[in-house]
Amino acid sequence: TAHRQIIESIIARIHHDVAGDWSGSRLAREAGLCESTFRAAFKQATGESPARFVRRARLQAAYQMCQQHIYTLASIAEQLNFSSPFHLSALFKKEFGVNPSDV
């Protein structure tokens, strides 16, 4: 699509700073697009909403951190901008089918 390169650039930025404040409005602003156009282009390029993509990227980072066994769940939640360890744990189990402590 016409916005493919812009979306790929945004994806790279998200992966570079997974804990960043990646709200829909900020992502659209970074892309230089209005929010509705950005959301549509992002969904077309990735198959998921920007919010879902960011949440999944953070959960993947959390998974990697859990595998290292050097971070507490509270520390991971704080570093990746989850609202609480409980919230992270619930999303983690839903995404991966296991508790963070079982990784």
C-alpha atoms as a PDB file:
ATOM      1  CA  THR A   1       0.000   0.000   0.000  1.00  0.00           C
ATOM      2  CA  ALA A   2       0.952   3.633  -0.200  1.00  0.00           C
ATOM      3  CA  HIS A   3       1.707   3.745   3.521  1.00  0.00           C
ATOM      4  CA  ARG A   4       3.687   0.490   3.750  1.00  0.00           C
ATOM      5  CA  GLN A   5       7.107   2.124   4.296  1.00  0.00           C
ATOM      6  CA  ILE A   6       5.698   4.462   6.921  1.00  0.00           C
ATOM      7  CA  ILE A   7       4.142   1.534   8.796  1.00  0.00           C
ATOM      8  CA  GLU A   8       7.376  -0.474   8.581  1.00  0.00           C
ATOM      9  CA  SER A   9       9.252   2.492  10.035  1.00  0.00           C
ATOM     10  CA  ILE A  10       6.761   2.772  12.898  1.00  0.00           C
ATOM     11  CA  ILE A  11       7.053  -0.966  13.586  1.00  0.00           C
ATOM     12  CA  ALA A  12      10.833  -0.641  13.773  1.00  0.00           C
ATOM     13  CA  ARG A  13      10.479   2.243  16.236  1.00  0.00           C
ATOM     14  CA  ILE A  14       8.099   0.231  18.410  1.00  0.00           C
ATOM     15  CA  HIS A  15      10.528  -2.697  18.515  1.00  0.00           C
ATOM     16  CA  HIS A  16      13.432  -0.344  19.260  1.00  0.00           C
ATOM     17  CA  ASP A  17      11.599   1.176  22.249  1.00  0.00           C
ATOM     18  CA  VAL A  18       8.966  -1.379  23.185  1.00  0.00           C
ATOM     19  CA  ALA A  19       8.283   0.332  26.520  1.00  0.00           C
ATOM     20  CA  GLY A  20       7.659   3.716  24.902  1.00  0.00           C
ATOM     21  CA  ASP A  21       4.424   5.654  25.150  1.00  0.00           C
ATOM     22  CA  TRP A  22       2.948   4.310  21.913  1.00  0.00           C
ATOM     23  CA  SER A  23      -0.587   5.659  22.077  1.00  0.00           C
ATOM     24  CA  GLY A  24      -2.643   5.627  18.892  1.00  0.00           C
ATOM     25  CA  SER A  25      -2.447   9.393  18.598  1.00  0.00           C
ATOM     26  CA  ARG A  26       1.329   9.420  19.050  1.00  0.00           C
ATOM     27  CA  LEU A  27       1.832   6.659  16.491  1.00  0.00           C
ATOM     28  CA  ALA A  28      -0.359   8.466  13.980  1.00  0.00           C
ATOM     29  CA  ARG A  29       1.493  11.712  14.635  1.00  0.00           C
ATOM     30  CA  GLU A  30       4.859   9.967  14.207  1.00  0.00           C
ATOM     31  CA  ALA A  31       3.590   8.532  10.915  1.00  0.00           C
ATOM     32  CA  GLY A  32       2.314  11.916   9.761  1.00  0.00           C
ATOM     33  CA  LEU A  33      -1.195  10.553   9.263  1.00  0.00           C
ATOM     34  CA  CYS A  34      -4.567  11.173  10.834  1.00  0.00           C
ATOM     35  CA  GLU A  35      -5.492   8.521  13.388  1.00  0.00           C
ATOM     36  CA  SER A  36      -8.153   6.791  11.312  1.00  0.00           C
ATOM     37  CA  THR A  37      -5.911   6.564   8.235  1.00  0.00           C
ATOM     38  CA  PHE A  38      -3.034   5.338  10.362  1.00  0.00           C
ATOM     39  CA  ARG A  39      -5.143   2.673  12.105  1.00  0.00           C
ATOM     40  CA  ALA A  40      -6.490   1.409   8.777  1.00  0.00           C
ATOM     41  CA  ALA A  41      -3.045   1.323   7.148  1.00  0.00           C
ATOM     42  CA  PHE A  42      -1.498  -0.353  10.193  1.00  0.00           C
ATOM     43  CA  LYS A  43      -4.209  -3.007  10.351  1.00  0.00           C
ATOM     44  CA  GLN A  44      -3.871  -3.669   6.637  1.00  0.00           C
ATOM     45  CA  ALA A  45      -0.087  -4.049   6.942  1.00  0.00           C
ATOM     46  CA  THR A  46       0.025  -6.134  10.136  1.00  0.00           C
ATOM     47  CA  GLY A  47      -3.387  -7.743  10.491  1.00  0.00           C
ATOM     48  CA  GLU A  48      -3.906  -6.211  13.915  1.00  0.00           C
ATOM     49  CA  SER A  49      -4.635  -2.886  15.532  1.00  0.00           C
ATOM     50  CA  PRO A  50      -1.751  -0.681  16.661  1.00  0.00           C
ATOM     51  CA  ALA A  51      -2.733  -1.202  20.310  1.00  0.00           C
ATOM     52  CA  ARG A  52      -2.755  -4.987  19.926  1.00  0.00           C
ATOM     53  CA  PHE A  53       0.588  -4.900  18.124  1.00  0.00           C
ATOM     54  CA  VAL A  54       2.216  -2.811  20.866  1.00  0.00           C
ATOM     55  CA  ARG A  55       0.730  -5.012  23.608  1.00  0.00           C
ATOM     56  CA  ARG A  56       1.990  -8.163  21.860  1.00  0.00           C
ATOM     57  CA  ALA A  57       5.478  -6.653  21.401  1.00  0.00           C
ATOM     58  CA  ARG A  58       5.582  -5.806  25.114  1.00  0.00           C
ATOM     59  CA  LEU A  59       4.410  -9.276  26.053  1.00  0.00           C
ATOM     60  CA  GLN A  60       7.111 -10.825  23.879  1.00  0.00           C
ATOM     61  CA  ALA A  61       9.685  -8.636  25.632  1.00  0.00           C
ATOM     62  CA  ALA A  62       8.231  -9.709  28.992  1.00  0.00           C
ATOM     63  CA  TYR A  63       8.515 -13.349  27.951  1.00  0.00           C
ATOM     64  CA  GLN A  64      12.192 -12.883  27.129  1.00  0.00           C
ATOM     65  CA  MET A  65      12.787 -11.121  30.435  1.00  0.00           C
ATOM     66  CA  CYS A  66      11.014 -13.913  32.338  1.00  0.00           C
ATOM     67  CA  GLN A  67      13.249 -16.478  30.651  1.00  0.00           C
ATOM     68  CA  GLN A  68      16.303 -14.726  32.080  1.00  0.00           C
ATOM     69  CA  HIS A  69      15.084 -15.316  35.663  1.00  0.00           C
ATOM     70  CA  ILE A  70      16.761 -12.128  36.903  1.00  0.00           C
ATOM     71  CA  TYR A  71      13.762  -9.760  36.968  1.00  0.00           C
ATOM     72  CA  THR A  72      10.799  -9.767  39.275  1.00  0.00           C
ATOM     73  CA  LEU A  73       7.369  -9.572  37.710  1.00  0.00           C
ATOM     74  CA  ALA A  74       6.953  -6.136  39.291  1.00  0.00           C
ATOM     75  CA  SER A  75      10.185  -4.971  37.681  1.00  0.00           C
ATOM     76  CA  ILE A  76       9.164  -6.303  34.275  1.00  0.00           C
ATOM     77  CA  ALA A  77       5.748  -4.663  34.546  1.00  0.00           C
ATOM     78  CA  GLU A  78       7.331  -1.348  35.471  1.00  0.00           C
ATOM     79  CA  GLN A  79      10.010  -1.477  32.778  1.00  0.00           C
ATOM     80  CA  LEU A  80       7.504  -2.341  30.033  1.00  0.00           C
ATOM     81  CA  ASN A  81       4.805   0.099  31.168  1.00  0.00           C
ATOM     82  CA  PHE A  82       2.150  -2.376  32.236  1.00  0.00           C
ATOM     83  CA  SER A  83      -0.264  -0.934  34.769  1.00  0.00           C
ATOM     84  CA  SER A  84       0.582  -3.598  37.377  1.00  0.00           C
ATOM     85  CA  PRO A  85       2.226  -6.990  37.797  1.00  0.00           C
ATOM     86  CA  PHE A  86      -1.267  -8.499  38.060  1.00  0.00           C
ATOM     87  CA  HIS A  87      -2.282  -6.977  34.723  1.00  0.00           C
ATOM     88  CA  LEU A  88       0.925  -8.209  33.093  1.00  0.00           C
ATOM     89  CA  SER A  89       0.406 -11.693  34.510  1.00  0.00           C
ATOM     90  CA  ALA A  90      -3.174 -11.903  33.235  1.00  0.00           C
ATOM     91  CA  LEU A  91      -2.239 -10.717  29.733  1.00  0.00           C
ATOM     92  CA  PHE A  92       0.812 -13.001  29.715  1.00  0.00           C
ATOM     93  CA  LYS A  93      -1.262 -16.070  30.555  1.00  0.00           C
ATOM     94  CA  LYS A  94      -3.848 -15.158  27.936  1.00  0.00           C
ATOM     95  CA  GLU A  95      -1.158 -14.639  25.260  1.00  0.00           C
ATOM     96  CA  PHE A  96       1.134 -17.603  26.019  1.00  0.00           C
ATOM     97  CA  GLY A  97      -1.068 -20.016  27.970  1.00  0.00           C
ATOM     98  CA  VAL A  98       1.300 -20.108  30.950  1.00  0.00           C
ATOM     99  CA  ASN A  99       2.028 -17.964  33.963  1.00  0.00           C
ATOM    100  CA  PRO A 100       5.150 -15.786  33.814  1.00  0.00           C
ATOM    101  CA  SER A 101       6.656 -17.835  36.654  1.00  0.00           C
ATOM    102  CA  ASP A 102       6.366 -21.003  34.537  1.00  0.00           C
ATOM    103  CA  VAL A 103       8.634 -19.712  31.772  1.00  0.00           C
END
